[in-house]
Amino acid sequence: RALLASVDGLEIREMRDPDVCCGFGGTFCVKYGEISAAIVTKKAAAIT
């Protein structure tokens, strides 16, 4: 965030819960696909 603040013309808009997992987790998204999908659904909503 410190370096992004120095980028000319860039505006940072913080999302809700930026530190919450996106659901990927490497092999987690393969072994627990339904849980991973639920997590990334919430993350996508926070992003948009």
All heavy atoms as atom14 arrays in JSON, in Angstrom:
{
  "sequence": "RALLASVDGLEIREMRDPDVCCGFGGTFCVKYGEISAAIVTKKAAAIT",
  "atom14_mask": [
    [1, 1, 1, 1, 1, 1, 1, 1, 1, 1, 1, 0, 0, 0],
    [1, 1, 1, 1, 1, 0, 0, 0, 0, 0, 0, 0, 0, 0],
    [1, 1, 1, 1, 1, 1, 1, 1, 0, 0, 0, 0, 0, 0],
    [1, 1, 1, 1, 1, 1, 1, 1, 0, 0, 0, 0, 0, 0],
    [1, 1, 1, 1, 1, 0, 0, 0, 0, 0, 0, 0, 0, 0],
    [1, 1, 1, 1, 1, 1, 0, 0, 0, 0, 0, 0, 0, 0],
    [1, 1, 1, 1, 1, 1, 1, 0, 0, 0, 0, 0, 0, 0],
    [1, 1, 1, 1, 1, 1, 1, 1, 0, 0, 0, 0, 0, 0],
    [1, 1, 1, 1, 0, 0, 0, 0, 0, 0, 0, 0, 0, 0],
    [1, 1, 1, 1, 1, 1, 1, 1, 0, 0, 0, 0, 0, 0],
    [1, 1, 1, 1, 1, 1, 1, 1, 1, 0, 0, 0, 0, 0],
    [1, 1, 1, 1, 1, 1, 1, 1, 0, 0, 0, 0, 0, 0],
    [1, 1, 1, 1, 1, 1, 1, 1, 1, 1, 1, 0, 0, 0],
    [1, 1, 1, 1, 1, 1, 1, 1, 1, 0, 0, 0, 0, 0],
    [1, 1, 1, 1, 1, 1, 1, 1, 0, 0, 0, 0, 0, 0],
    [1, 1, 1, 1, 1, 1, 1, 1, 1, 1, 1, 0, 0, 0],
    [1, 1, 1, 1, 1, 1, 1, 1, 0, 0, 0, 0, 0, 0],
    [1, 1, 1, 1, 1, 1, 1, 0, 0, 0, 0, 0, 0, 0],
    [1, 1, 1, 1, 1, 1, 1, 1, 0, 0, 0, 0, 0, 0],
    [1, 1, 1, 1, 1, 1, 1, 0, 0, 0, 0, 0, 0, 0],
    [1, 1, 1, 1, 1, 1, 0, 0, 0, 0, 0, 0, 0, 0],
    [1, 1, 1, 1, 1, 1, 0, 0, 0, 0, 0, 0, 0, 0],
    [1, 1, 1, 1, 0, 0, 0, 0, 0, 0, 0, 0, 0, 0],
    [1, 1, 1, 1, 1, 1, 1, 1, 1, 1, 1, 0, 0, 0],
    [1, 1, 1, 1, 0, 0, 0, 0, 0, 0, 0, 0, 0, 0],
    [1, 1, 1, 1, 0, 0, 0, 0, 0, 0, 0, 0, 0, 0],
    [1, 1, 1, 1, 1, 1, 1, 0, 0, 0, 0, 0, 0, 0],
    [1, 1, 1, 1, 1, 1, 1, 1, 1, 1, 1, 0, 0, 0],
    [1, 1, 1, 1, 1, 1, 0, 0, 0, 0, 0, 0, 0, 0],
    [1, 1, 1, 1, 1, 1, 1, 0, 0, 0, 0, 0, 0, 0],
    [1, 1, 1, 1, 1, 1, 1, 1, 1, 0, 0, 0, 0, 0],
    [1, 1, 1, 1, 1, 1, 1, 1, 1, 1, 1, 1, 0, 0],
    [1, 1, 1, 1, 0, 0, 0, 0, 0, 0, 0, 0, 0, 0],
    [1, 1, 1, 1, 1, 1, 1, 1, 1, 0, 0, 0, 0, 0],
    [1, 1, 1, 1, 1, 1, 1, 1, 0, 0, 0, 0, 0, 0],
    [1, 1, 1, 1, 1, 1, 0, 0, 0, 0, 0, 0, 0, 0],
    [1, 1, 1, 1, 1, 0, 0, 0, 0, 0, 0, 0, 0, 0],
    [1, 1, 1, 1, 1, 0, 0, 0, 0, 0, 0, 0, 0, 0],
    [1, 1, 1, 1, 1, 1, 1, 1, 0, 0, 0, 0, 0, 0],
    [1, 1, 1, 1, 1, 1, 1, 0, 0, 0, 0, 0, 0, 0],
    [1, 1, 1, 1, 1, 1, 1, 0, 0, 0, 0, 0, 0, 0],
    [1, 1, 1, 1, 1, 1, 1, 1, 1, 0, 0, 0, 0, 0],
    [1, 1, 1, 1, 1, 1, 1, 1, 1, 0, 0, 0, 0, 0],
    [1, 1, 1, 1, 1, 0, 0, 0, 0, 0, 0, 0, 0, 0],
    [1, 1, 1, 1, 1, 0, 0, 0, 0, 0, 0, 0, 0, 0],
    [1, 1, 1, 1, 1, 0, 0, 0, 0, 0, 0, 0, 0, 0],
    [1, 1, 1, 1, 1, 1, 1, 1, 0, 0, 0, 0, 0, 0],
    [1, 1, 1, 1, 1, 1, 1, 0, 0, 0, 0, 0, 0, 0]
  ],
  "atom14_positions": [
    [[0.83, -1.2, 0.0], [0.0, 0.0, 0.0], [0.87, 1.26, 0.0], [0.51, 2.26, -0.61], [-0.94, -0.02, 1.2], [-2.06, -1.06, 1.09], [-2.82, -1.21, 2.38], [-4.01, -2.06, 2.24], [-4.0, -3.39, 2.27], [-2.84, -4.03, 2.44], [-5.12, -4.09, 2.13], [0.0, 0.0, 0.0], [0.0, 0.0, 0.0], [0.0, 0.0, 0.0]],
    [[1.99, 1.2, 0.69], [2.89, 2.35, 0.72], [3.44, 2.65, -0.67], [3.5, 3.82, -1.1], [4.03, 2.1, 1.7], [0.0, 0.0, 0.0], [0.0, 0.0, 0.0], [0.0, 0.0, 0.0], [0.0, 0.0, 0.0], [0.0, 0.0, 0.0], [0.0, 0.0, 0.0], [0.0, 0.0, 0.0], [0.0, 0.0, 0.0], [0.0, 0.0, 0.0]],
    [[3.85, 1.62, -1.4], [4.38, 1.83, -2.75], [3.27, 2.21, -3.73], [3.47, 3.06, -4.61], [5.12, 0.59, -3.24], [6.44, 0.27, -2.53], [7.13, -0.91, -3.22], [7.37, 1.48, -2.51], [0.0, 0.0, 0.0], [0.0, 0.0, 0.0], [0.0, 0.0, 0.0], [0.0, 0.0, 0.0], [0.0, 0.0, 0.0], [0.0, 0.0, 0.0]],
    [[2.1, 1.61, -3.58], [0.99, 1.96, -4.46], [0.58, 3.42, -4.29], [0.14, 4.07, -5.25], [-0.2, 1.05, -4.19], [-0.08, -0.4, -4.68], [-1.21, -1.26, -4.14], [-0.05, -0.46, -6.21], [0.0, 0.0, 0.0], [0.0, 0.0, 0.0], [0.0, 0.0, 0.0], [0.0, 0.0, 0.0], [0.0, 0.0, 0.0], [0.0, 0.0, 0.0]],
    [[0.73, 3.94, -3.08], [0.38, 5.34, -2.83], [1.25, 6.3, -3.62], [0.88, 7.47, -3.81], [0.47, 5.64, -1.34], [0.0, 0.0, 0.0], [0.0, 0.0, 0.0], [0.0, 0.0, 0.0], [0.0, 0.0, 0.0], [0.0, 0.0, 0.0], [0.0, 0.0, 0.0], [0.0, 0.0, 0.0], [0.0, 0.0, 0.0], [0.0, 0.0, 0.0]],
    [[2.42, 5.82, -4.07], [3.32, 6.69, -4.84], [3.09, 6.59, -6.34], [3.72, 7.3, -7.12], [4.78, 6.32, -4.53], [5.13, 5.06, -5.1], [0.0, 0.0, 0.0], [0.0, 0.0, 0.0], [0.0, 0.0, 0.0], [0.0, 0.0, 0.0], [0.0, 0.0, 0.0], [0.0, 0.0, 0.0], [0.0, 0.0, 0.0], [0.0, 0.0, 0.0]],
    [[2.2, 5.69, -6.78], [1.92, 5.53, -8.21], [1.04, 6.68, -8.7], [-0.05, 6.91, -8.15], [1.24, 4.18, -8.48], [0.84, 4.07, -9.96], [2.16, 3.03, -8.1], [0.0, 0.0, 0.0], [0.0, 0.0, 0.0], [0.0, 0.0, 0.0], [0.0, 0.0, 0.0], [0.0, 0.0, 0.0], [0.0, 0.0, 0.0], [0.0, 0.0, 0.0]],
    [[1.5, 7.38, -9.69], [0.79, 8.56, -10.2], [-0.57, 8.17, -10.77], [-0.69, 7.28, -11.62], [1.63, 9.22, -11.29], [1.04, 10.55, -11.74], [0.66, 11.35, -10.88], [0.95, 10.75, -12.97], [0.0, 0.0, 0.0], [0.0, 0.0, 0.0], [0.0, 0.0, 0.0], [0.0, 0.0, 0.0], [0.0, 0.0, 0.0], [0.0, 0.0, 0.0]],
    [[-1.63, 8.84, -10.29], [-2.97, 8.64, -10.81], [-3.74, 7.5, -10.17], [-4.92, 7.32, -10.46], [0.0, 0.0, 0.0], [0.0, 0.0, 0.0], [0.0, 0.0, 0.0], [0.0, 0.0, 0.0], [0.0, 0.0, 0.0], [0.0, 0.0, 0.0], [0.0, 0.0, 0.0], [0.0, 0.0, 0.0], [0.0, 0.0, 0.0], [0.0, 0.0, 0.0]],
    [[-3.11, 6.73, -9.3], [-3.76, 5.56, -8.71], [-4.53, 5.93, -7.45], [-4.04, 6.68, -6.6], [-2.72, 4.49, -8.39], [-3.21, 3.16, -7.82], [-2.35, 2.01, -8.34], [-3.18, 3.16, -6.28], [0.0, 0.0, 0.0], [0.0, 0.0, 0.0], [0.0, 0.0, 0.0], [0.0, 0.0, 0.0], [0.0, 0.0, 0.0], [0.0, 0.0, 0.0]],
    [[-5.72, 5.4, -7.31], [-6.55, 5.58, -6.12], [-6.81, 4.22, -5.48], [-7.25, 3.29, -6.15], [-7.89, 6.22, -6.48], [-8.86, 6.32, -5.3], [-10.29, 6.6, -5.72], [-10.55, 6.73, -6.93], [-11.16, 6.65, -4.81], [0.0, 0.0, 0.0], [0.0, 0.0, 0.0], [0.0, 0.0, 0.0], [0.0, 0.0, 0.0], [0.0, 0.0, 0.0]],
    [[-6.51, 4.09, -4.19], [-6.75, 2.83, -3.47], [-8.11, 2.9, -2.78], [-8.4, 3.84, -2.04], [-5.66, 2.57, -2.42], [-4.28, 2.46, -3.09], [-5.96, 1.27, -1.66], [-3.14, 2.28, -2.1], [0.0, 0.0, 0.0], [0.0, 0.0, 0.0], [0.0, 0.0, 0.0], [0.0, 0.0, 0.0], [0.0, 0.0, 0.0], [0.0, 0.0, 0.0]],
    [[-8.93, 1.89, -3.05], [-10.22, 1.76, -2.37], [-10.21, 0.45, -1.6], [-10.26, -0.63, -2.19], [-11.37, 1.75, -3.39], [-11.49, 3.04, -4.2], [-12.7, 2.97, -5.12], [-12.8, 4.17, -5.96], [-13.75, 4.37, -6.87], [-14.7, 3.43, -7.03], [-13.77, 5.46, -7.59], [0.0, 0.0, 0.0], [0.0, 0.0, 0.0], [0.0, 0.0, 0.0]],
    [[-10.14, 0.54, -0.3], [-10.06, -0.67, 0.52], [-11.37, -1.44, 0.5], [-12.45, -0.87, 0.63], [-9.7, -0.31, 1.96], [-8.29, 0.26, 2.13], [-7.21, -0.79, 1.95], [-7.52, -1.99, 1.78], [-6.02, -0.4, 1.97], [0.0, 0.0, 0.0], [0.0, 0.0, 0.0], [0.0, 0.0, 0.0], [0.0, 0.0, 0.0], [0.0, 0.0, 0.0]],
    [[-11.27, -2.74, 0.33], [-12.46, -3.59, 0.36], [-12.8, -3.99, 1.79], [-11.99, -3.86, 2.71], [-12.22, -4.85, -0.49], [-11.27, -5.87, 0.15], [-11.1, -7.38, -0.82], [-9.93, -6.83, -2.08], [0.0, 0.0, 0.0], [0.0, 0.0, 0.0], [0.0, 0.0, 0.0], [0.0, 0.0, 0.0], [0.0, 0.0, 0.0], [0.0, 0.0, 0.0]],
    [[-13.99, -4.49, 1.95], [-14.39, -5.06, 3.23], [-13.58, -6.34, 3.49], [-13.47, -7.2, 2.64], [-15.89, -5.38, 3.17], [-16.44, -6.23, 4.28], [-17.96, -6.31, 4.18], [-18.45, -6.59, 2.84], [-18.62, -7.83, 2.35], [-18.31, -8.89, 3.08], [-19.09, -8.0, 1.12], [0.0, 0.0, 0.0], [0.0, 0.0, 0.0], [0.0, 0.0, 0.0]],
    [[-13.02, -6.44, 4.68], [-12.25, -7.63, 5.08], [-11.16, -8.0, 4.07], [-11.14, -9.12, 3.53], [-13.17, -8.83, 5.28], [-14.21, -8.6, 6.37], [-13.88, -7.9, 7.34], [-15.33, -9.11, 6.24], [0.0, 0.0, 0.0], [0.0, 0.0, 0.0], [0.0, 0.0, 0.0], [0.0, 0.0, 0.0], [0.0, 0.0, 0.0], [0.0, 0.0, 0.0]],
    [[-10.23, -7.12, 3.79], [-9.19, -7.42, 2.8], [-8.26, -8.56, 3.23], [-7.57, -9.16, 2.39], [-8.42, -6.1, 2.69], [-8.62, -5.44, 4.01], [-10.02, -5.79, 4.41], [0.0, 0.0, 0.0], [0.0, 0.0, 0.0], [0.0, 0.0, 0.0], [0.0, 0.0, 0.0], [0.0, 0.0, 0.0], [0.0, 0.0, 0.0], [0.0, 0.0, 0.0]],
    [[-8.24, -8.85, 4.54], [-7.34, -9.89, 5.05], [-8.0, -11.26, 5.16], [-7.41, -12.2, 5.68], [-6.79, -9.48, 6.41], [-7.89, -9.22, 7.44], [-9.05, -9.02, 7.03], [-7.6, -9.22, 8.64], [0.0, 0.0, 0.0], [0.0, 0.0, 0.0], [0.0, 0.0, 0.0], [0.0, 0.0, 0.0], [0.0, 0.0, 0.0], [0.0, 0.0, 0.0]],
    [[-9.23, -11.4, 4.67], [-9.92, -12.68, 4.71], [-9.57, -13.48, 3.46], [-9.49, -12.95, 2.36], [-11.45, -12.48, 4.81], [-12.19, -13.81, 4.61], [-11.81, -11.87, 6.15], [0.0, 0.0, 0.0], [0.0, 0.0, 0.0], [0.0, 0.0, 0.0], [0.0, 0.0, 0.0], [0.0, 0.0, 0.0], [0.0, 0.0, 0.0], [0.0, 0.0, 0.0]],
    [[-9.36, -14.79, 3.64], [-8.95, -15.7, 2.57], [-9.87, -15.59, 1.35], [-11.07, -15.37, 1.46], [-8.96, -17.13, 3.11], [-8.5, -18.39, 1.9], [0.0, 0.0, 0.0], [0.0, 0.0, 0.0], [0.0, 0.0, 0.0], [0.0, 0.0, 0.0], [0.0, 0.0, 0.0], [0.0, 0.0, 0.0], [0.0, 0.0, 0.0], [0.0, 0.0, 0.0]],
    [[-9.28, -15.79, 0.17], [-10.06, -15.77, -1.08], [-10.61, -17.15, -1.42], [-11.37, -17.3, -2.39], [-9.19, -15.27, -2.23], [-7.97, -16.48, -2.81], [0.0, 0.0, 0.0], [0.0, 0.0, 0.0], [0.0, 0.0, 0.0], [0.0, 0.0, 0.0], [0.0, 0.0, 0.0], [0.0, 0.0, 0.0], [0.0, 0.0, 0.0], [0.0, 0.0, 0.0]],
    [[-10.19, -18.18, -0.68], [-10.69, -19.52, -0.94], [-9.77, -20.39, -1.76], [-10.05, -21.57, -1.98], [0.0, 0.0, 0.0], [0.0, 0.0, 0.0], [0.0, 0.0, 0.0], [0.0, 0.0, 0.0], [0.0, 0.0, 0.0], [0.0, 0.0, 0.0], [0.0, 0.0, 0.0], [0.0, 0.0, 0.0], [0.0, 0.0, 0.0], [0.0, 0.0, 0.0]],
    [[-8.64, -19.83, -2.22], [-7.73, -20.62, -3.06], [-6.99, -21.66, -2.21], [-7.27, -22.85, -2.27], [-6.75, -19.71, -3.8], [-5.73, -20.46, -4.61], [-6.12, -21.27, -5.66], [-4.38, -20.34, -4.33], [-5.18, -21.98, -6.4], [-3.44, -21.03, -5.08], [-3.84, -21.85, -6.11], [0.0, 0.0, 0.0], [0.0, 0.0, 0.0], [0.0, 0.0, 0.0]],
    [[-6.06, -21.21, -1.42], [-5.37, -22.11, -0.49], [-4.62, -23.25, -1.15], [-4.46, -24.31, -0.55], [0.0, 0.0, 0.0], [0.0, 0.0, 0.0], [0.0, 0.0, 0.0], [0.0, 0.0, 0.0], [0.0, 0.0, 0.0], [0.0, 0.0, 0.0], [0.0, 0.0, 0.0], [0.0, 0.0, 0.0], [0.0, 0.0, 0.0], [0.0, 0.0, 0.0]],
    [[-4.17, -23.09, -2.39], [-3.43, -24.16, -3.05], [-4.28, -25.39, -3.25], [-5.32, -25.36, -3.9], [0.0, 0.0, 0.0], [0.0, 0.0, 0.0], [0.0, 0.0, 0.0], [0.0, 0.0, 0.0], [0.0, 0.0, 0.0], [0.0, 0.0, 0.0], [0.0, 0.0, 0.0], [0.0, 0.0, 0.0], [0.0, 0.0, 0.0], [0.0, 0.0, 0.0]],
    [[-3.86, -26.5, -2.66], [-4.59, -27.76, -2.83], [-5.94, -27.73, -2.1], [-6.79, -28.58, -2.35], [-3.77, -28.94, -2.32], [-3.39, -28.7, -0.95], [-2.5, -29.12, -3.15], [0.0, 0.0, 0.0], [0.0, 0.0, 0.0], [0.0, 0.0, 0.0], [0.0, 0.0, 0.0], [0.0, 0.0, 0.0], [0.0, 0.0, 0.0], [0.0, 0.0, 0.0]],
    [[-6.15, -26.76, -1.23], [-7.43, -26.64, -0.51], [-8.6, -26.51, -1.48], [-9.65, -27.13, -1.3], [-7.39, -25.43, 0.43], [-8.7, -25.12, 1.1], [-9.05, -25.76, 2.28], [-9.6, -24.21, 0.56], [-10.27, -25.49, 2.91], [-10.81, -23.93, 1.17], [-11.14, -24.58, 2.36], [0.0, 0.0, 0.0], [0.0, 0.0, 0.0], [0.0, 0.0, 0.0]],
    [[-8.42, -25.71, -2.52], [-9.53, -25.47, -3.45], [-9.87, -26.71, -4.25], [-10.97, -26.82, -4.8], [-9.22, -24.29, -4.37], [-7.9, -24.6, -5.55], [0.0, 0.0, 0.0], [0.0, 0.0, 0.0], [0.0, 0.0, 0.0], [0.0, 0.0, 0.0], [0.0, 0.0, 0.0], [0.0, 0.0, 0.0], [0.0, 0.0, 0.0], [0.0, 0.0, 0.0]],
    [[-8.93, -27.66, -4.32], [-9.2, -28.92, -5.01], [-9.88, -29.91, -4.07], [-10.86, -30.56, -4.43], [-7.88, -29.52, -5.55], [-8.14, -30.87, -6.22], [-7.22, -28.56, -6.53], [0.0, 0.0, 0.0], [0.0, 0.0, 0.0], [0.0, 0.0, 0.0], [0.0, 0.0, 0.0], [0.0, 0.0, 0.0], [0.0, 0.0, 0.0], [0.0, 0.0, 0.0]],
    [[-9.37, -29.98, -2.85], [-9.9, -30.95, -1.88], [-11.25, -30.53, -1.31], [-12.07, -31.38, -0.96], [-8.89, -31.15, -0.75], [-7.61, -31.84, -1.18], [-6.68, -32.12, -0.01], [-6.02, -30.89, 0.51], [-4.98, -31.19, 1.53], [0.0, 0.0, 0.0], [0.0, 0.0, 0.0], [0.0, 0.0, 0.0], [0.0, 0.0, 0.0], [0.0, 0.0, 0.0]],
    [[-11.48, -29.23, -1.21], [-12.72, -28.73, -0.6], [-13.35, -27.69, -1.52], [-13.48, -26.52, -1.17], [-12.42, -28.13, 0.78], [-11.71, -29.08, 1.71], [-10.35, -28.97, 1.95], [-12.41, -30.11, 2.34], [-9.69, -29.85, 2.8], [-11.77, -31.0, 3.19], [-10.41, -30.86, 3.41], [-9.76, -31.74, 4.25], [0.0, 0.0, 0.0], [0.0, 0.0, 0.0]],
    [[-13.74, -28.16, -2.69], [-14.23, -27.25, -3.73], [-15.44, -26.42, -3.32], [-15.51, -25.23, -3.62], [0.0, 0.0, 0.0], [0.0, 0.0, 0.0], [0.0, 0.0, 0.0], [0.0, 0.0, 0.0], [0.0, 0.0, 0.0], [0.0, 0.0, 0.0], [0.0, 0.0, 0.0], [0.0, 0.0, 0.0], [0.0, 0.0, 0.0], [0.0, 0.0, 0.0]],
    [[-16.4, -27.03, -2.64], [-17.61, -26.3, -2.28], [-17.31, -25.21, -1.25], [-17.87, -24.11, -1.34], [-18.66, -27.27, -1.73], [-19.22, -28.22, -2.79], [-20.32, -29.1, -2.24], [-20.65, -28.96, -1.05], [-20.86, -29.92, -3.01], [0.0, 0.0, 0.0], [0.0, 0.0, 0.0], [0.0, 0.0, 0.0], [0.0, 0.0, 0.0], [0.0, 0.0, 0.0]],
    [[-16.45, -25.51, -0.29], [-16.08, -24.5, 0.71], [-15.31, -23.37, 0.04], [-15.55, -22.19, 0.29], [-15.25, -25.13, 1.84], [-16.05, -26.21, 2.56], [-14.8, -24.06, 2.83], [-15.26, -26.99, 3.58], [0.0, 0.0, 0.0], [0.0, 0.0, 0.0], [0.0, 0.0, 0.0], [0.0, 0.0, 0.0], [0.0, 0.0, 0.0], [0.0, 0.0, 0.0]],
    [[-14.37, -23.74, -0.84], [-13.59, -22.75, -1.57], [-14.49, -21.82, -2.38], [-14.3, -20.6, -2.39], [-12.59, -23.45, -2.5], [-11.92, -22.53, -3.33], [0.0, 0.0, 0.0], [0.0, 0.0, 0.0], [0.0, 0.0, 0.0], [0.0, 0.0, 0.0], [0.0, 0.0, 0.0], [0.0, 0.0, 0.0], [0.0, 0.0, 0.0], [0.0, 0.0, 0.0]],
    [[-15.49, -22.41, -3.05], [-16.4, -21.6, -3.87], [-17.21, -20.63, -3.01], [-17.45, -19.48, -3.41], [-17.35, -22.52, -4.65], [0.0, 0.0, 0.0], [0.0, 0.0, 0.0], [0.0, 0.0, 0.0], [0.0, 0.0, 0.0], [0.0, 0.0, 0.0], [0.0, 0.0, 0.0], [0.0, 0.0, 0.0], [0.0, 0.0, 0.0], [0.0, 0.0, 0.0]],
    [[-17.62, -21.07, -1.83], [-18.38, -20.19, -0.93], [-17.52, -19.02, -0.46], [-17.98, -17.88, -0.36], [-18.9, -20.98, 0.26], [0.0, 0.0, 0.0], [0.0, 0.0, 0.0], [0.0, 0.0, 0.0], [0.0, 0.0, 0.0], [0.0, 0.0, 0.0], [0.0, 0.0, 0.0], [0.0, 0.0, 0.0], [0.0, 0.0, 0.0], [0.0, 0.0, 0.0]],
    [[-16.25, -19.31, -0.17], [-15.35, -18.25, 0.3], [-15.08, -17.23, -0.79], [-15.13, -16.01, -0.55], [-14.03, -18.87, 0.81], [-14.29, -19.74, 2.03], [-13.02, -17.77, 1.16], [-13.08, -20.55, 2.49], [0.0, 0.0, 0.0], [0.0, 0.0, 0.0], [0.0, 0.0, 0.0], [0.0, 0.0, 0.0], [0.0, 0.0, 0.0], [0.0, 0.0, 0.0]],
    [[-14.79, -17.7, -2.01], [-14.48, -16.75, -3.08], [-15.71, -15.97, -3.51], [-15.61, -14.84, -4.0], [-13.83, -17.47, -4.29], [-14.86, -18.23, -5.13], [-13.08, -16.46, -5.17], [0.0, 0.0, 0.0], [0.0, 0.0, 0.0], [0.0, 0.0, 0.0], [0.0, 0.0, 0.0], [0.0, 0.0, 0.0], [0.0, 0.0, 0.0], [0.0, 0.0, 0.0]],
    [[-16.9, -16.52, -3.3], [-18.13, -15.77, -3.59], [-18.22, -14.53, -2.7], [-18.56, -13.43, -3.16], [-19.36, -16.67, -3.39], [-19.33, -17.74, -4.34], [-20.65, -15.88, -3.58], [0.0, 0.0, 0.0], [0.0, 0.0, 0.0], [0.0, 0.0, 0.0], [0.0, 0.0, 0.0], [0.0, 0.0, 0.0], [0.0, 0.0, 0.0], [0.0, 0.0, 0.0]],
    [[-17.93, -14.7, -1.42], [-17.93, -13.56, -0.49], [-16.83, -12.56, -0.85], [-17.03, -11.35, -0.78], [-17.75, -14.05, 0.94], [-18.93, -14.85, 1.48], [-18.69, -15.27, 2.93], [-19.88, -16.03, 3.48], [-19.66, -16.46, 4.89], [0.0, 0.0, 0.0], [0.0, 0.0, 0.0], [0.0, 0.0, 0.0], [0.0, 0.0, 0.0], [0.0, 0.0, 0.0]],
    [[-15.68, -13.09, -1.22], [-14.57, -12.2, -1.58], [-14.91, -11.4, -2.83], [-14.64, -10.18, -2.89], [-13.29, -13.02, -1.8], [-12.08, -12.23, -2.26], [-11.69, -11.13, -1.28], [-11.18, -11.7, 0.03], [-10.59, -10.64, 0.89], [0.0, 0.0, 0.0], [0.0, 0.0, 0.0], [0.0, 0.0, 0.0], [0.0, 0.0, 0.0], [0.0, 0.0, 0.0]],
    [[-15.5, -12.03, -3.83], [-15.87, -11.31, -5.06], [-16.87, -10.21, -4.76], [-16.79, -9.11, -5.34], [-16.43, -12.3, -6.08], [0.0, 0.0, 0.0], [0.0, 0.0, 0.0], [0.0, 0.0, 0.0], [0.0, 0.0, 0.0], [0.0, 0.0, 0.0], [0.0, 0.0, 0.0], [0.0, 0.0, 0.0], [0.0, 0.0, 0.0], [0.0, 0.0, 0.0]],
    [[-17.81, -10.46, -3.86], [-18.78, -9.43, -3.5], [-18.09, -8.25, -2.84], [-18.41, -7.08, -3.13], [-19.83, -10.02, -2.55], [0.0, 0.0, 0.0], [0.0, 0.0, 0.0], [0.0, 0.0, 0.0], [0.0, 0.0, 0.0], [0.0, 0.0, 0.0], [0.0, 0.0, 0.0], [0.0, 0.0, 0.0], [0.0, 0.0, 0.0], [0.0, 0.0, 0.0]],
    [[-17.13, -8.52, -1.97], [-16.4, -7.44, -1.31], [-15.6, -6.62, -2.31], [-15.47, -5.4, -2.17], [-15.48, -8.03, -0.24], [0.0, 0.0, 0.0], [0.0, 0.0, 0.0], [0.0, 0.0, 0.0], [0.0, 0.0, 0.0], [0.0, 0.0, 0.0], [0.0, 0.0, 0.0], [0.0, 0.0, 0.0], [0.0, 0.0, 0.0], [0.0, 0.0, 0.0]],
    [[-15.06, -7.28, -3.31], [-14.27, -6.58, -4.33], [-15.16, -5.66, -5.15], [-14.85, -4.47, -5.34], [-13.57, -7.61, -5.25], [-12.51, -8.39, -4.47], [-12.96, -6.92, -6.47], [-12.03, -9.65, -5.18], [0.0, 0.0, 0.0], [0.0, 0.0, 0.0], [0.0, 0.0, 0.0], [0.0, 0.0, 0.0], [0.0, 0.0, 0.0], [0.0, 0.0, 0.0]],
    [[-16.28, -6.18, -5.65], [-17.14, -5.37, -6.51], [-17.81, -4.23, -5.76], [-18.1, -3.18, -6.34], [-18.2, -6.25, -7.19], [-18.94, -6.97, -6.18], [-17.55, -7.26, -8.12], [0.0, 0.0, 0.0], [0.0, 0.0, 0.0], [0.0, 0.0, 0.0], [0.0, 0.0, 0.0], [0.0, 0.0, 0.0], [0.0, 0.0, 0.0], [0.0, 0.0, 0.0]]
  ]
}
